[in-house]
Amino acid sequence: MKLYNVISTLILEQVSNSEIVDAIKNKHVCELVYEDDASIGPGRRVVYPVALGESLRNNKVVRAYQISGPSLKVNEEGIPLPDWRLFRVDRMNNFKPLKGENSVFETFNEPPLYNPFGDKSMNRVLVNSKF
C-alpha cells in the first residue's frame, strides 16, 4: 500500500502538506486541479489558501478564497463571483503557486470576510494565515 501511495503521488502530482503550509504562510496565489463532485466536475481553480485543517469528517481540508474556476457562481452579467470554498486535500492535484512578474510568486492580501478565529466546517485548524 505504501508503494501505491508513492506512485500515485508522483503520477497524479498530489499536493503535500508542506506545499500547502508554505502557500498559506507566504500568502501565495495558487492554482490547482480539483476532482470535485459529479455535478460540477474536475477543473482548474485559482485560490487564496488561508487555512489547513481537518473537516468535521476528519478529512484534511484547505479553506480558500476561490477567484477562478468552474464552481463559481455568476452574476446577472455572467461574471464569475469569487467566494469561499473548502477543498479536500485528497481531491487536489497539481497545486502550485502562480508566478507573476519577474518570476516572483503572486501574493494576496486579506480576502473579504476572512475569519482569523477558526472555521465552523473544521474540527481543527492546523495552520492559518496571519494578516
N, C-alpha and C. Protein backbone atom coordinates (compact mmCIF):
# COMPACT_ATOMS: atom_id res chain seq x y z
N MET A 1 0.82 -1.20 0.00
CA MET A 1 0.00 0.00 0.00
C MET A 1 0.87 1.26 0.00
N LYS A 2 2.01 1.22 0.71
CA LYS A 2 2.88 2.40 0.73
C LYS A 2 3.43 2.69 -0.67
N LEU A 3 3.82 1.65 -1.40
CA LEU A 3 4.34 1.84 -2.75
C LEU A 3 3.27 2.45 -3.64
N TYR A 4 2.04 1.99 -3.52
CA TYR A 4 0.93 2.55 -4.29
C TYR A 4 0.77 4.04 -4.01
N ASN A 5 0.83 4.43 -2.74
CA ASN A 5 0.68 5.85 -2.37
C ASN A 5 1.79 6.69 -2.97
N VAL A 6 3.02 6.18 -2.95
CA VAL A 6 4.15 6.92 -3.52
C VAL A 6 3.97 7.08 -5.02
N ILE A 7 3.61 6.00 -5.69
CA ILE A 7 3.44 6.05 -7.15
C ILE A 7 2.28 6.96 -7.53
N SER A 8 1.15 6.86 -6.83
CA SER A 8 0.01 7.71 -7.18
C SER A 8 0.33 9.18 -6.94
N THR A 9 1.11 9.47 -5.90
CA THR A 9 1.50 10.86 -5.65
C THR A 9 2.35 11.40 -6.79
N LEU A 10 3.26 10.58 -7.30
CA LEU A 10 4.12 11.01 -8.41
C LEU A 10 3.32 11.17 -9.70
N ILE A 11 2.45 10.23 -9.99
CA ILE A 11 1.69 10.28 -11.24
C ILE A 11 0.67 11.40 -11.23
N LEU A 12 -0.08 11.51 -10.16
CA LEU A 12 -1.16 12.50 -10.09
C LEU A 12 -0.71 13.87 -9.63
N GLU A 13 0.54 13.97 -9.20
CA GLU A 13 1.06 15.22 -8.67
C GLU A 13 0.18 15.75 -7.55
N GLN A 14 -0.13 14.86 -6.61
CA GLN A 14 -0.94 15.26 -5.47
C GLN A 14 -0.16 16.24 -4.62
N VAL A 15 -0.89 17.05 -3.92
CA VAL A 15 -0.30 18.11 -3.11
C VAL A 15 0.19 17.55 -1.78
N SER A 16 1.30 18.11 -1.30
CA SER A 16 1.81 17.72 0.01
C SER A 16 1.42 18.79 1.04
N ASN A 17 1.37 18.37 2.29
CA ASN A 17 1.05 19.32 3.36
C ASN A 17 2.05 20.46 3.41
N SER A 18 3.33 20.17 3.16
CA SER A 18 4.34 21.23 3.22
C SER A 18 4.13 22.28 2.14
N GLU A 19 3.66 21.87 0.96
CA GLU A 19 3.36 22.84 -0.11
C GLU A 19 2.20 23.75 0.30
N ILE A 20 1.20 23.15 0.92
CA ILE A 20 0.04 23.93 1.36
C ILE A 20 0.44 24.90 2.47
N VAL A 21 1.18 24.41 3.45
CA VAL A 21 1.60 25.25 4.58
C VAL A 21 2.44 26.42 4.07
N ASP A 22 3.35 26.15 3.15
CA ASP A 22 4.19 27.22 2.59
C ASP A 22 3.33 28.27 1.89
N ALA A 23 2.34 27.83 1.11
CA ALA A 23 1.47 28.76 0.40
C ALA A 23 0.64 29.60 1.37
N ILE A 24 0.15 28.97 2.44
CA ILE A 24 -0.64 29.70 3.44
C ILE A 24 0.21 30.73 4.16
N LYS A 25 1.38 30.32 4.63
CA LYS A 25 2.23 31.23 5.39
C LYS A 25 2.75 32.39 4.55
N ASN A 26 3.02 32.12 3.26
CA ASN A 26 3.57 33.16 2.40
C ASN A 26 2.52 33.88 1.55
N LYS A 27 1.24 33.50 1.76
CA LYS A 27 0.11 34.13 1.07
C LYS A 27 0.27 34.09 -0.45
N HIS A 28 0.62 32.90 -0.98
CA HIS A 28 0.77 32.73 -2.41
C HIS A 28 -0.58 32.46 -3.07
N VAL A 29 -0.83 33.15 -4.16
CA VAL A 29 -1.97 32.83 -5.01
C VAL A 29 -1.61 31.50 -5.67
N CYS A 30 -2.53 30.52 -5.61
CA CYS A 30 -2.22 29.18 -6.11
C CYS A 30 -3.26 28.72 -7.11
N GLU A 31 -2.82 27.80 -7.97
CA GLU A 31 -3.76 27.11 -8.84
C GLU A 31 -3.71 25.63 -8.50
N LEU A 32 -4.82 24.96 -8.78
CA LEU A 32 -4.91 23.53 -8.53
C LEU A 32 -5.93 22.93 -9.46
N VAL A 33 -5.85 21.63 -9.62
CA VAL A 33 -6.90 20.90 -10.33
C VAL A 33 -7.65 20.15 -9.25
N TYR A 34 -8.97 20.37 -9.20
CA TYR A 34 -9.79 19.78 -8.14
C TYR A 34 -10.73 18.75 -8.72
N GLU A 35 -10.71 17.56 -8.14
CA GLU A 35 -11.62 16.48 -8.52
C GLU A 35 -12.87 16.64 -7.68
N ASP A 36 -13.78 17.48 -8.15
CA ASP A 36 -14.98 17.85 -7.41
C ASP A 36 -16.05 16.78 -7.55
N ASP A 37 -17.21 17.03 -6.98
CA ASP A 37 -18.31 16.09 -7.10
C ASP A 37 -18.80 16.05 -8.54
N ALA A 38 -19.58 15.05 -8.87
CA ALA A 38 -20.01 14.82 -10.25
C ALA A 38 -20.82 15.97 -10.85
N SER A 39 -21.51 16.74 -10.03
CA SER A 39 -22.35 17.81 -10.56
C SER A 39 -21.54 18.96 -11.16
N ILE A 40 -20.34 19.18 -10.66
CA ILE A 40 -19.50 20.28 -11.15
C ILE A 40 -18.38 19.76 -12.04
N GLY A 41 -17.77 18.69 -11.62
CA GLY A 41 -16.70 18.07 -12.39
C GLY A 41 -15.34 18.63 -12.04
N PRO A 42 -14.30 17.94 -12.49
CA PRO A 42 -12.94 18.39 -12.19
C PRO A 42 -12.62 19.65 -12.98
N GLY A 43 -11.66 20.39 -12.48
CA GLY A 43 -11.27 21.59 -13.20
C GLY A 43 -10.22 22.39 -12.46
N ARG A 44 -9.65 23.35 -13.18
CA ARG A 44 -8.62 24.22 -12.64
C ARG A 44 -9.27 25.32 -11.83
N ARG A 45 -8.74 25.54 -10.63
CA ARG A 45 -9.20 26.63 -9.77
C ARG A 45 -8.01 27.50 -9.41
N VAL A 46 -8.25 28.79 -9.23
CA VAL A 46 -7.24 29.71 -8.70
C VAL A 46 -7.76 30.19 -7.36
N VAL A 47 -6.91 30.06 -6.32
CA VAL A 47 -7.37 30.31 -4.95
C VAL A 47 -6.35 31.09 -4.13
N TYR A 48 -6.87 31.67 -3.04
CA TYR A 48 -6.04 32.24 -1.98
C TYR A 48 -6.17 31.27 -0.80
N PRO A 49 -5.22 30.37 -0.58
CA PRO A 49 -5.35 29.43 0.53
C PRO A 49 -5.04 30.12 1.86
N VAL A 50 -5.97 30.04 2.82
CA VAL A 50 -5.77 30.74 4.09
C VAL A 50 -5.69 29.83 5.31
N ALA A 51 -6.15 28.57 5.20
CA ALA A 51 -6.10 27.69 6.36
C ALA A 51 -6.06 26.23 5.94
N LEU A 52 -5.32 25.44 6.71
CA LEU A 52 -5.27 23.99 6.56
C LEU A 52 -5.80 23.40 7.85
N GLY A 53 -6.68 22.41 7.73
CA GLY A 53 -7.22 21.80 8.93
C GLY A 53 -7.84 20.45 8.65
N GLU A 54 -8.65 20.00 9.61
CA GLU A 54 -9.37 18.75 9.47
C GLU A 54 -10.86 19.06 9.51
N SER A 55 -11.59 18.47 8.56
CA SER A 55 -13.03 18.71 8.48
C SER A 55 -13.76 17.99 9.61
N LEU A 56 -15.04 18.23 9.69
CA LEU A 56 -15.87 17.56 10.68
C LEU A 56 -15.88 16.05 10.48
N ARG A 57 -15.55 15.60 9.27
CA ARG A 57 -15.45 14.16 8.97
C ARG A 57 -13.99 13.68 8.97
N ASN A 58 -13.11 14.50 9.54
CA ASN A 58 -11.68 14.17 9.72
C ASN A 58 -10.90 14.03 8.42
N ASN A 59 -11.32 14.74 7.37
CA ASN A 59 -10.54 14.82 6.14
C ASN A 59 -9.65 16.05 6.23
N LYS A 60 -8.44 15.98 5.66
CA LYS A 60 -7.60 17.17 5.56
C LYS A 60 -8.25 18.09 4.54
N VAL A 61 -8.38 19.38 4.90
CA VAL A 61 -9.05 20.35 4.03
C VAL A 61 -8.30 21.68 4.03
N VAL A 62 -8.51 22.42 2.96
CA VAL A 62 -7.96 23.77 2.83
C VAL A 62 -9.13 24.73 2.68
N ARG A 63 -9.17 25.75 3.52
CA ARG A 63 -10.14 26.84 3.37
C ARG A 63 -9.47 27.86 2.46
N ALA A 64 -10.13 28.22 1.37
CA ALA A 64 -9.54 29.14 0.40
C ALA A 64 -10.60 30.05 -0.19
N TYR A 65 -10.15 31.21 -0.60
CA TYR A 65 -10.99 32.17 -1.32
C TYR A 65 -10.75 31.90 -2.79
N GLN A 66 -11.75 31.36 -3.48
CA GLN A 66 -11.60 30.99 -4.89
C GLN A 66 -11.91 32.18 -5.78
N ILE A 67 -10.97 32.50 -6.69
CA ILE A 67 -11.17 33.65 -7.57
C ILE A 67 -11.42 33.24 -9.02
N SER A 68 -11.18 31.96 -9.35
CA SER A 68 -11.38 31.50 -10.72
C SER A 68 -11.64 30.00 -10.71
N GLY A 69 -12.51 29.55 -11.61
CA GLY A 69 -12.76 28.12 -11.73
C GLY A 69 -14.21 27.79 -11.95
N PRO A 70 -14.49 26.55 -12.29
CA PRO A 70 -15.84 26.15 -12.69
C PRO A 70 -16.89 26.15 -11.59
N SER A 71 -16.51 26.13 -10.34
CA SER A 71 -17.51 26.05 -9.27
C SER A 71 -18.03 27.41 -8.81
N LEU A 72 -17.55 28.50 -9.41
CA LEU A 72 -18.01 29.83 -9.01
C LEU A 72 -19.40 30.13 -9.57
N LYS A 73 -20.19 30.81 -8.78
CA LYS A 73 -21.49 31.30 -9.25
C LYS A 73 -21.23 32.54 -10.10
N VAL A 74 -22.20 32.89 -10.95
CA VAL A 74 -22.05 34.08 -11.79
C VAL A 74 -23.19 35.05 -11.51
N ASN A 75 -22.93 36.33 -11.74
CA ASN A 75 -23.97 37.35 -11.55
C ASN A 75 -24.84 37.46 -12.81
N GLU A 76 -25.75 38.43 -12.84
CA GLU A 76 -26.67 38.59 -13.97
C GLU A 76 -25.94 38.84 -15.29
N GLU A 77 -24.77 39.45 -15.23
CA GLU A 77 -23.99 39.73 -16.44
C GLU A 77 -23.11 38.55 -16.85
N GLY A 78 -23.16 37.46 -16.10
CA GLY A 78 -22.34 36.28 -16.41
C GLY A 78 -20.92 36.36 -15.89
N ILE A 79 -20.66 37.30 -14.99
CA ILE A 79 -19.31 37.46 -14.43
C ILE A 79 -19.17 36.57 -13.20
N PRO A 80 -18.12 35.71 -13.17
CA PRO A 80 -17.91 34.83 -12.01
C PRO A 80 -17.68 35.64 -10.73
N LEU A 81 -18.27 35.18 -9.63
CA LEU A 81 -18.15 35.85 -8.34
C LEU A 81 -17.21 35.06 -7.43
N PRO A 82 -16.10 35.66 -7.00
CA PRO A 82 -15.21 34.97 -6.07
C PRO A 82 -15.96 34.60 -4.79
N ASP A 83 -15.55 33.49 -4.16
CA ASP A 83 -16.25 33.05 -2.96
C ASP A 83 -15.36 32.10 -2.16
N TRP A 84 -15.75 31.88 -0.91
CA TRP A 84 -15.04 30.97 -0.02
C TRP A 84 -15.42 29.53 -0.34
N ARG A 85 -14.41 28.64 -0.34
CA ARG A 85 -14.61 27.23 -0.61
C ARG A 85 -13.76 26.41 0.37
N LEU A 86 -14.22 25.19 0.61
CA LEU A 86 -13.48 24.22 1.40
C LEU A 86 -13.08 23.10 0.46
N PHE A 87 -11.77 22.88 0.31
CA PHE A 87 -11.24 21.88 -0.61
C PHE A 87 -10.63 20.71 0.15
N ARG A 88 -11.05 19.50 -0.18
CA ARG A 88 -10.42 18.32 0.42
C ARG A 88 -9.05 18.12 -0.23
N VAL A 89 -8.04 17.93 0.60
CA VAL A 89 -6.67 17.78 0.10
C VAL A 89 -6.54 16.55 -0.78
N ASP A 90 -7.23 15.47 -0.45
CA ASP A 90 -7.12 14.24 -1.25
C ASP A 90 -7.76 14.37 -2.63
N ARG A 91 -8.46 15.46 -2.88
CA ARG A 91 -9.06 15.71 -4.20
C ARG A 91 -8.32 16.80 -4.98
N MET A 92 -7.21 17.29 -4.41
CA MET A 92 -6.43 18.36 -5.04
C MET A 92 -5.22 17.76 -5.77
N ASN A 93 -5.00 18.20 -7.00
CA ASN A 93 -3.82 17.79 -7.77
C ASN A 93 -3.19 19.04 -8.38
N ASN A 94 -1.90 18.90 -8.73
CA ASN A 94 -1.17 19.97 -9.43
C ASN A 94 -1.28 21.31 -8.71
N PHE A 95 -1.19 21.30 -7.40
CA PHE A 95 -1.25 22.51 -6.58
C PHE A 95 0.09 23.23 -6.70
N LYS A 96 0.05 24.51 -7.09
CA LYS A 96 1.29 25.27 -7.21
C LYS A 96 1.02 26.76 -7.14
N PRO A 97 1.98 27.49 -6.56
CA PRO A 97 1.87 28.96 -6.54
C PRO A 97 2.01 29.51 -7.95
N LEU A 98 1.29 30.58 -8.23
CA LEU A 98 1.38 31.24 -9.53
C LEU A 98 2.52 32.25 -9.52
N LYS A 99 3.22 32.31 -10.62
CA LYS A 99 4.31 33.28 -10.75
C LYS A 99 3.81 34.47 -11.54
N GLY A 100 4.17 35.65 -11.07
CA GLY A 100 3.81 36.89 -11.73
C GLY A 100 5.00 37.48 -12.44
N GLU A 101 5.14 38.79 -12.35
CA GLU A 101 6.25 39.49 -12.98
C GLU A 101 7.58 39.06 -12.38
N ASN A 102 8.61 39.03 -13.21
CA ASN A 102 9.97 38.67 -12.79
C ASN A 102 10.04 37.30 -12.12
N SER A 103 9.11 36.41 -12.47
CA SER A 103 9.06 35.05 -11.93
C SER A 103 8.94 35.01 -10.41
N VAL A 104 8.38 36.05 -9.83
CA VAL A 104 8.14 36.11 -8.39
C VAL A 104 6.73 35.59 -8.15
N PHE A 105 6.55 34.81 -7.09
CA PHE A 105 5.23 34.29 -6.78
C PHE A 105 4.25 35.42 -6.50
N GLU A 106 3.04 35.29 -7.06
CA GLU A 106 1.97 36.25 -6.77
C GLU A 106 1.51 36.05 -5.34
N THR A 107 1.20 37.14 -4.65
CA THR A 107 0.70 37.06 -3.28
C THR A 107 -0.65 37.77 -3.19
N PHE A 108 -1.34 37.55 -2.08
CA PHE A 108 -2.64 38.17 -1.87
C PHE A 108 -2.69 38.83 -0.51
N ASN A 109 -3.61 39.78 -0.39
CA ASN A 109 -3.90 40.44 0.89
C ASN A 109 -5.11 39.78 1.50
N GLU A 110 -5.50 40.23 2.67
CA GLU A 110 -6.63 39.63 3.38
C GLU A 110 -7.89 39.62 2.51
N PRO A 111 -8.44 38.43 2.24
CA PRO A 111 -9.66 38.34 1.44
C PRO A 111 -10.87 38.87 2.20
N PRO A 112 -11.94 39.23 1.49
CA PRO A 112 -13.16 39.71 2.15
C PRO A 112 -13.73 38.66 3.10
N LEU A 113 -14.23 39.12 4.24
CA LEU A 113 -14.90 38.28 5.23
C LEU A 113 -14.00 37.19 5.82
N TYR A 114 -12.70 37.42 5.81
CA TYR A 114 -11.77 36.45 6.41
C TYR A 114 -11.96 36.40 7.92
N ASN A 115 -12.04 35.18 8.49
CA ASN A 115 -12.21 34.99 9.93
C ASN A 115 -10.94 34.35 10.51
N PRO A 116 -10.13 35.10 11.23
CA PRO A 116 -8.88 34.55 11.77
C PRO A 116 -9.07 33.64 12.97
N PHE A 117 -10.30 33.49 13.46
CA PHE A 117 -10.53 32.74 14.70
C PHE A 117 -11.02 31.32 14.51
N GLY A 118 -11.02 30.84 13.28
CA GLY A 118 -11.43 29.45 13.08
C GLY A 118 -12.44 29.30 11.98
N ASP A 119 -12.95 28.10 11.91
CA ASP A 119 -13.82 27.73 10.81
C ASP A 119 -14.80 26.69 11.32
N LYS A 120 -16.09 26.96 11.24
CA LYS A 120 -17.08 26.03 11.77
C LYS A 120 -17.16 24.74 10.97
N SER A 121 -16.54 24.69 9.80
CA SER A 121 -16.51 23.47 8.99
C SER A 121 -15.32 22.58 9.33
N MET A 122 -14.51 23.02 10.29
CA MET A 122 -13.31 22.25 10.66
C MET A 122 -13.35 21.85 12.13
N ASN A 123 -12.91 20.62 12.39
CA ASN A 123 -12.69 20.16 13.77
C ASN A 123 -11.49 20.87 14.37
N ARG A 124 -10.48 21.05 13.51
CA ARG A 124 -9.22 21.59 13.99
C ARG A 124 -8.54 22.36 12.87
N VAL A 125 -8.02 23.52 13.21
CA VAL A 125 -7.23 24.31 12.26
C VAL A 125 -5.77 24.06 12.59
N LEU A 126 -5.01 23.61 11.60
CA LEU A 126 -3.59 23.30 11.79
C LEU A 126 -2.70 24.50 11.49
N VAL A 127 -3.04 25.22 10.43
CA VAL A 127 -2.27 26.40 10.02
C VAL A 127 -3.26 27.44 9.52
N ASN A 128 -3.03 28.70 9.91
CA ASN A 128 -3.91 29.77 9.50
C ASN A 128 -3.06 30.97 9.05
N SER A 129 -3.51 31.66 8.02
CA SER A 129 -2.79 32.86 7.56
C SER A 129 -2.82 33.94 8.64
N LYS A 130 -1.80 34.74 8.64
CA LYS A 130 -1.72 35.91 9.54
C LYS A 130 -1.72 37.16 8.68
N PHE A 131 -2.69 38.03 8.93
CA PHE A 131 -2.76 39.29 8.18
C PHE A 131 -2.57 40.46 9.11
